[in-house]
Protein backbone atom coordinates (compact mmCIF):
# COMPACT_ATOMS: atom_id res chain seq x y z
CA MET A 1 2.53 -8.86 -18.37
CA ARG A 2 2.27 -7.22 -14.91
CA VAL A 3 4.41 -9.94 -13.39
CA ALA A 4 7.08 -9.42 -16.08
CA ILE A 5 7.08 -5.67 -15.45
CA GLY A 6 7.20 -6.24 -11.69
CA ALA A 7 10.06 -8.71 -12.03
CA GLY A 8 11.97 -6.27 -14.24
CA LEU A 9 11.40 -3.48 -11.74
CA ALA A 10 12.58 -5.74 -8.92
CA LEU A 11 15.80 -6.50 -10.77
CA LEU A 12 16.34 -2.84 -11.60
CA VAL A 13 15.85 -1.65 -8.00
CA ALA A 14 17.89 -4.51 -6.55
CA GLY A 15 20.68 -3.73 -9.04
CA CYS A 16 20.83 -0.19 -7.66
CA GLY A 17 22.08 -1.65 -4.37
CA GLY A 18 20.68 -2.03 -0.91
CA ALA A 19 17.10 -2.98 -1.74
CA SER A 20 15.22 -6.21 -1.72
CA VAL A 21 11.98 -6.11 -3.66
CA THR A 22 9.07 -8.51 -3.70
CA VAL A 23 6.07 -8.02 -5.96
CA THR A 24 2.88 -9.99 -5.64
CA ASN A 25 -0.18 -10.00 -7.82
CA SER A 26 -3.63 -10.99 -6.67
CA THR A 27 -7.05 -10.56 -8.19
CA THR A 28 -9.01 -12.37 -5.49
CA ALA A 29 -7.48 -11.23 -2.22
CA SER A 30 -9.72 -9.93 0.51
CA ALA A 31 -9.04 -6.47 1.86
CA ALA A 32 -11.23 -6.69 4.92
CA PRO A 33 -10.04 -4.57 7.83
CA ARG A 34 -7.22 -6.30 9.64
CA GLU A 35 -5.60 -6.03 13.03
CA GLN A 36 -1.84 -6.33 13.30
CA PRO A 37 0.13 -6.79 16.49
CA ALA A 38 1.98 -3.66 17.61
CA ASP A 39 5.29 -5.49 17.25
CA ALA A 40 4.58 -6.74 13.70
CA LYS A 41 7.60 -6.52 11.45
CA LEU A 42 6.88 -4.43 8.38
CA SER A 43 9.90 -5.91 6.63
CA ASP A 44 8.34 -9.37 6.38
CA PRO A 45 8.04 -9.49 2.59
CA LEU A 46 5.09 -10.67 0.59
CA SER A 47 6.34 -13.56 -1.48
CA ALA A 48 5.67 -13.94 -5.20
CA SER A 49 6.89 -17.52 -5.06
CA GLY A 50 4.60 -19.51 -2.82
CA GLY A 51 4.07 -17.17 0.12
CA SER A 52 1.24 -14.90 1.13
CA ASN A 53 -0.62 -13.24 -1.70
CA ASP A 54 -3.26 -11.36 0.31
CA CYS A 55 -1.56 -8.12 1.38
CA SER A 56 -2.02 -9.04 5.05
CA LYS A 57 1.56 -8.04 5.84
CA ASN A 58 0.95 -4.45 4.80
CA PRO A 59 0.93 -2.11 7.79
CA ASP A 60 -2.35 -1.35 9.51
CA PHE A 61 -1.91 2.38 8.85
CA ALA A 62 -2.22 1.96 5.03
CA PRO A 63 -5.98 2.47 4.61
CA ILE A 64 -7.70 -0.06 2.33
CA TYR A 65 -11.43 0.49 1.73
CA ALA A 66 -13.65 -2.37 2.97
CA ASP A 67 -14.97 -3.65 -0.40
CA ALA A 68 -11.59 -3.40 -2.18
CA LYS A 69 -10.74 -5.87 -4.91
CA ILE A 70 -6.96 -6.07 -4.75
CA VAL A 71 -5.16 -5.93 -8.10
CA VAL A 72 -1.50 -5.70 -7.03
CA CYS A 73 0.43 -5.59 -3.76
CA SER A 74 4.11 -4.85 -3.53
CA SER A 75 6.55 -4.17 -0.74
CA THR A 76 10.20 -3.18 -0.57
CA HIS A 77 12.81 -3.10 2.18
CA PHE A 78 15.75 -0.70 1.85
CA ASP A 79 18.69 -2.07 3.85
CA SER A 80 20.66 1.19 3.71
CA ASP A 81 18.17 3.11 5.87
CA ASN A 82 16.02 0.24 7.21
CA LYS A 83 12.98 1.69 5.44
CA ASP A 84 9.97 -0.37 4.34
CA ALA A 85 7.67 0.84 1.59
CA GLY A 86 4.88 -0.58 -0.48
CA SER A 87 1.96 -0.04 -2.75
CA VAL A 88 -1.51 -1.53 -3.03
CA SER A 89 -3.64 -1.09 -6.14
CA TYR A 90 -7.32 -1.97 -5.95
CA THR A 91 -10.76 -1.24 -7.36
CA THR A 92 -13.95 -0.48 -5.48
CA ASP A 93 -17.55 0.39 -6.23
CA ALA A 94 -17.36 3.35 -3.82
CA ALA A 95 -16.95 6.84 -5.30
CA PRO A 96 -13.47 8.41 -5.15
CA ALA A 97 -14.72 11.04 -2.69
CA VAL A 98 -15.91 8.30 -0.32
CA VAL A 99 -12.58 6.44 -0.50
CA LEU A 100 -10.61 9.64 0.07
CA ALA A 101 -12.84 10.63 3.02
CA PHE A 102 -12.17 7.16 4.47
CA ALA A 103 -8.40 7.67 4.03
CA LYS A 104 -8.57 11.08 5.72
CA GLU A 105 -10.60 9.63 8.61
CA SER A 106 -8.15 6.73 8.93
CA ALA A 107 -5.28 9.20 9.14
CA ALA A 108 -6.96 11.13 11.95
CA LYS A 109 -7.78 7.95 13.90
CA SER A 110 -4.15 6.77 13.59
CA GLY A 111 -2.68 10.07 14.77
CA PHE A 112 -1.39 11.11 11.35
CA THR A 113 -1.24 14.70 10.11
CA VAL A 114 -2.91 15.19 6.75
CA ARG A 115 -0.50 17.10 4.50
CA ILE A 116 -2.51 17.14 1.26
CA ALA A 117 -6.21 16.49 0.72
CA ASN A 118 -7.95 17.27 -2.55
CA GLU A 119 -10.40 15.67 -5.00
CA THR A 120 -7.88 13.04 -6.15
CA MET A 121 -5.61 12.27 -3.20
CA VAL A 122 -4.93 12.29 0.53
CA SER A 123 -1.37 12.32 1.85
CA ALA A 124 -0.56 11.98 5.55
CA GLU A 125 2.36 11.31 7.87
CA GLN A 126 3.10 10.57 11.49
CA GLY A 127 6.25 11.97 13.03
CA GLY A 128 8.18 11.85 9.78
CA LYS A 129 8.49 8.07 10.20
CA ARG A 130 5.24 6.67 8.78
CA ARG A 131 3.53 7.97 5.64
CA PHE A 132 0.78 7.05 3.24
CA MET A 133 -0.77 8.54 0.15
CA THR A 134 -4.11 7.41 -1.27
CA MET A 135 -5.03 8.34 -4.84
CA ALA A 136 -8.45 7.57 -6.34
CA ARG A 137 -10.19 8.15 -9.68
CA THR A 138 -13.08 6.71 -11.64
CA GLU A 139 -12.35 4.77 -14.80
CA GLY A 140 -14.68 2.45 -16.69
CA GLY A 141 -17.42 2.69 -14.08
CA VAL A 142 -15.24 1.66 -11.11
CA THR A 143 -12.99 3.57 -8.77
CA LYS A 144 -9.30 2.75 -9.14
CA VAL A 145 -7.24 3.34 -6.01
CA VAL A 146 -3.52 3.27 -5.27
CA VAL A 147 -2.20 3.44 -1.71
CA ASN A 148 1.54 4.05 -1.29
CA TRP A 149 3.03 3.71 2.18
CA SER A 150 6.40 3.87 3.93
CA HIS A 151 7.75 3.24 7.39
CA GLN A 152 11.14 3.98 8.88
CA PRO A 153 11.84 2.99 12.49
């Protein structure tokens, strides 16, 4: 069902012109902290058809909590303004407040300015070019988290 929705969304966005969309779905991917080279291309898409399914091509500034169980990763490249954007949805055993504190700390360590921080989300940006927003809530005994990010060179 998620793949069908993701494929439909990809067609819809691509039909609007100027965007290439790739949606991947993973229930077993590791979200361990990762190092990316400074010259890594954010536009390298995750591939739903045989390519990487582990979110490793997401930018290092999109904070993913250490024990995350990835549900969905997606990334998009907008040709018209050379912007990359994506979203990661995951669950964790950590409380929402712990995940949001981690996101806020990650922002500070990466030189981002926190724009919004409350009991459900943290939103930060760096120089108007890189942004992320982390949202967290408890549902069914686990914390559900969504991290949206964007980068424009």
